Every structure is written in structure tokens, then in C-alpha cells.
Amino acid sequence: MQLQPASVDLRLANEFLVYRPAQIACLDPRKPDTLRAATERVIVPDDDAFILHPGEFALGSTVERVRIPSDQSVIVPSFIARATSLTTT
């Protein structure tokens, strides 16, 4: 983790949940089975790359754990997230 004056740089872990929309018609957060059916868990070997193609969506995790105080907020501009594959947790 690197602490910058206006940001914190985190390392992306090797585990992702990739959304597969064709697998299910409707996601219902009250029914965990719909979420499980619409996502695929991908674990990338250490020396491999994770490729996210245009139009795909994936949730990633960070190596570090960060706690944000309740009186503060975190903003990740979407253009940066798309360009650099940043993930907030």
C-alpha cells in the first residue's frame, strides 16, 4: 500500500467475480442463488494476467484491507477505474 497526498494506492488481488449476464434473467439480492448463478469465481495464477474485455464486468478484491471512518467518503472516478482496473471494496 502506498499513501499519497490525495490517494491511497492498493494492490489488486488475484481473485475476481466475473458477471455472466446470460446465465440468469434477473438478479435478486434477496436470493443468493441468483447471484451465484450469474457470477463466475476466477482465481488467476500468480504469473498470469486477468483480461477484462469491453462490456464485461468483474468485482475484484485488494490485498490490503482498508477501514474508512464513517465521517469520510471514498470516490473512484469511473474513467480511472475503467482505464486502470481499480476496484473499491
C-alpha atoms as a PDB file:
ATOM      1  CA  MET A   1       0.000   0.000   0.000  1.00  0.00           C
ATOM      2  CA  GLN A   2       1.268   3.470  -0.888  1.00  0.00           C
ATOM      3  CA  LEU A   3      -0.090   6.581   0.793  1.00  0.00           C
ATOM      4  CA  GLN A   4      -0.168   9.649  -1.465  1.00  0.00           C
ATOM      5  CA  PRO A   5      -1.247  13.200  -0.520  1.00  0.00           C
ATOM      6  CA  ALA A   6      -4.715  12.735  -2.044  1.00  0.00           C
ATOM      7  CA  SER A   7      -4.964   8.978  -2.580  1.00  0.00           C
ATOM      8  CA  VAL A   8      -4.124   5.506  -1.382  1.00  0.00           C
ATOM      9  CA  ASP A   9      -2.732   3.002  -3.886  1.00  0.00           C
ATOM     10  CA  LEU A  10      -3.790  -0.594  -3.229  1.00  0.00           C
ATOM     11  CA  ARG A  11      -2.674  -3.842  -4.846  1.00  0.00           C
ATOM     12  CA  LEU A  12      -5.251  -5.867  -6.727  1.00  0.00           C
ATOM     13  CA  ALA A  13      -5.601  -9.458  -5.503  1.00  0.00           C
ATOM     14  CA  ASN A  14      -5.833 -12.465  -7.829  1.00  0.00           C
ATOM     15  CA  GLU A  15      -9.481 -13.370  -7.142  1.00  0.00           C
ATOM     16  CA  PHE A  16     -12.395 -11.968  -9.174  1.00  0.00           C
ATOM     17  CA  LEU A  17     -16.127 -12.462  -9.523  1.00  0.00           C
ATOM     18  CA  VAL A  18     -16.982 -12.126 -13.214  1.00  0.00           C
ATOM     19  CA  TYR A  19     -20.590 -11.277 -14.060  1.00  0.00           C
ATOM     20  CA  ARG A  20     -22.123 -13.547 -16.706  1.00  0.00           C
ATOM     21  CA  PRO A  21     -25.464 -11.911 -17.651  1.00  0.00           C
ATOM     22  CA  ALA A  22     -26.595 -14.697 -19.994  1.00  0.00           C
ATOM     23  CA  GLN A  23     -26.729 -17.176 -17.103  1.00  0.00           C
ATOM     24  CA  ILE A  24     -29.834 -15.704 -15.431  1.00  0.00           C
ATOM     25  CA  ALA A  25     -32.683 -13.348 -16.366  1.00  0.00           C
ATOM     26  CA  CYS A  26     -32.895 -11.371 -13.131  1.00  0.00           C
ATOM     27  CA  LEU A  27     -30.572 -10.722 -10.178  1.00  0.00           C
ATOM     28  CA  ASP A  28     -32.387 -10.690  -6.845  1.00  0.00           C
ATOM     29  CA  PRO A  29     -30.211  -9.729  -3.853  1.00  0.00           C
ATOM     30  CA  ARG A  30     -32.732 -11.438  -1.574  1.00  0.00           C
ATOM     31  CA  LYS A  31     -31.984 -14.730  -3.319  1.00  0.00           C
ATOM     32  CA  PRO A  32     -28.248 -15.537  -3.103  1.00  0.00           C
ATOM     33  CA  ASP A  33     -28.667 -18.374  -5.617  1.00  0.00           C
ATOM     34  CA  THR A  34     -29.359 -15.839  -8.391  1.00  0.00           C
ATOM     35  CA  LEU A  35     -26.113 -14.027  -7.595  1.00  0.00           C
ATOM     36  CA  ARG A  36     -24.149 -17.277  -7.544  1.00  0.00           C
ATOM     37  CA  ALA A  37     -25.674 -18.372 -10.845  1.00  0.00           C
ATOM     38  CA  ALA A  38     -24.812 -15.080 -12.565  1.00  0.00           C
ATOM     39  CA  THR A  39     -21.177 -14.873 -11.480  1.00  0.00           C
ATOM     40  CA  GLU A  40     -18.105 -16.975 -12.033  1.00  0.00           C
ATOM     41  CA  ARG A  41     -15.287 -17.017  -9.485  1.00  0.00           C
ATOM     42  CA  VAL A  42     -11.920 -16.661 -11.213  1.00  0.00           C
ATOM     43  CA  ILE A  43      -8.597 -17.169  -9.436  1.00  0.00           C
ATOM     44  CA  VAL A  44      -5.666 -16.011 -11.541  1.00  0.00           C
ATOM     45  CA  PRO A  45      -2.340 -17.827 -11.081  1.00  0.00           C
ATOM     46  CA  ASP A  46       0.467 -15.574  -9.824  1.00  0.00           C
ATOM     47  CA  ASP A  47       2.293 -15.267 -13.150  1.00  0.00           C
ATOM     48  CA  ASP A  48      -0.845 -14.900 -15.317  1.00  0.00           C
ATOM     49  CA  ALA A  49      -2.876 -11.846 -16.322  1.00  0.00           C
ATOM     50  CA  PHE A  50      -6.580 -11.189 -15.847  1.00  0.00           C
ATOM     51  CA  ILE A  51      -8.098  -9.795 -19.048  1.00  0.00           C
ATOM     52  CA  LEU A  52     -11.392  -7.933 -18.844  1.00  0.00           C
ATOM     53  CA  HIS A  53     -12.880  -7.392 -22.295  1.00  0.00           C
ATOM     54  CA  PRO A  54     -15.034  -4.376 -23.279  1.00  0.00           C
ATOM     55  CA  GLY A  55     -18.559  -4.735 -21.940  1.00  0.00           C
ATOM     56  CA  GLU A  56     -17.574  -7.223 -19.237  1.00  0.00           C
ATOM     57  CA  PHE A  57     -17.913  -6.521 -15.530  1.00  0.00           C
ATOM     58  CA  ALA A  58     -15.923  -8.019 -12.682  1.00  0.00           C
ATOM     59  CA  LEU A  59     -15.591  -7.430  -8.972  1.00  0.00           C
ATOM     60  CA  GLY A  60     -12.103  -7.696  -7.592  1.00  0.00           C
ATOM     61  CA  SER A  61     -10.577  -7.525  -4.166  1.00  0.00           C
ATOM     62  CA  THR A  62      -7.463  -5.907  -2.820  1.00  0.00           C
ATOM     63  CA  VAL A  63      -4.573  -7.495  -0.986  1.00  0.00           C
ATOM     64  CA  GLU A  64      -4.863  -4.853   1.731  1.00  0.00           C
ATOM     65  CA  ARG A  65      -7.864  -4.233   3.950  1.00  0.00           C
ATOM     66  CA  VAL A  66      -8.856  -0.608   4.428  1.00  0.00           C
ATOM     67  CA  ARG A  67     -11.184   0.846   7.017  1.00  0.00           C
ATOM     68  CA  ILE A  68     -12.851   4.161   6.155  1.00  0.00           C
ATOM     69  CA  PRO A  69     -14.173   6.261   9.071  1.00  0.00           C
ATOM     70  CA  SER A  70     -17.938   6.834   8.911  1.00  0.00           C
ATOM     71  CA  ASP A  71     -17.466  10.607   8.587  1.00  0.00           C
ATOM     72  CA  GLN A  72     -15.395  10.249   5.390  1.00  0.00           C
ATOM     73  CA  SER A  73     -16.151   9.005   1.891  1.00  0.00           C
ATOM     74  CA  VAL A  74     -14.254   7.381  -0.976  1.00  0.00           C
ATOM     75  CA  ILE A  75     -14.664   8.339  -4.608  1.00  0.00           C
ATOM     76  CA  VAL A  76     -13.185   6.432  -7.542  1.00  0.00           C
ATOM     77  CA  PRO A  77     -13.824   8.253 -10.823  1.00  0.00           C
ATOM     78  CA  SER A  78     -15.279   5.737 -13.264  1.00  0.00           C
ATOM     79  CA  PHE A  79     -12.916   6.664 -16.106  1.00  0.00           C
ATOM     80  CA  ILE A  80      -9.935   5.865 -13.879  1.00  0.00           C
ATOM     81  CA  ALA A  81     -11.493   2.592 -12.745  1.00  0.00           C
ATOM     82  CA  ARG A  82     -12.072   1.505 -16.337  1.00  0.00           C
ATOM     83  CA  ALA A  83      -8.646   2.621 -17.534  1.00  0.00           C
ATOM     84  CA  THR A  84      -6.630   1.087 -14.710  1.00  0.00           C
ATOM     85  CA  SER A  85      -8.905  -1.654 -13.353  1.00  0.00           C
ATOM     86  CA  LEU A  86      -9.132  -0.086  -9.905  1.00  0.00           C
ATOM     87  CA  THR A  87     -11.517  -1.806  -7.546  1.00  0.00           C
ATOM     88  CA  THR A  88     -13.097  -0.442  -4.408  1.00  0.00           C
ATOM     89  CA  THR A  89     -14.115  -2.725  -1.581  1.00  0.00           C
END
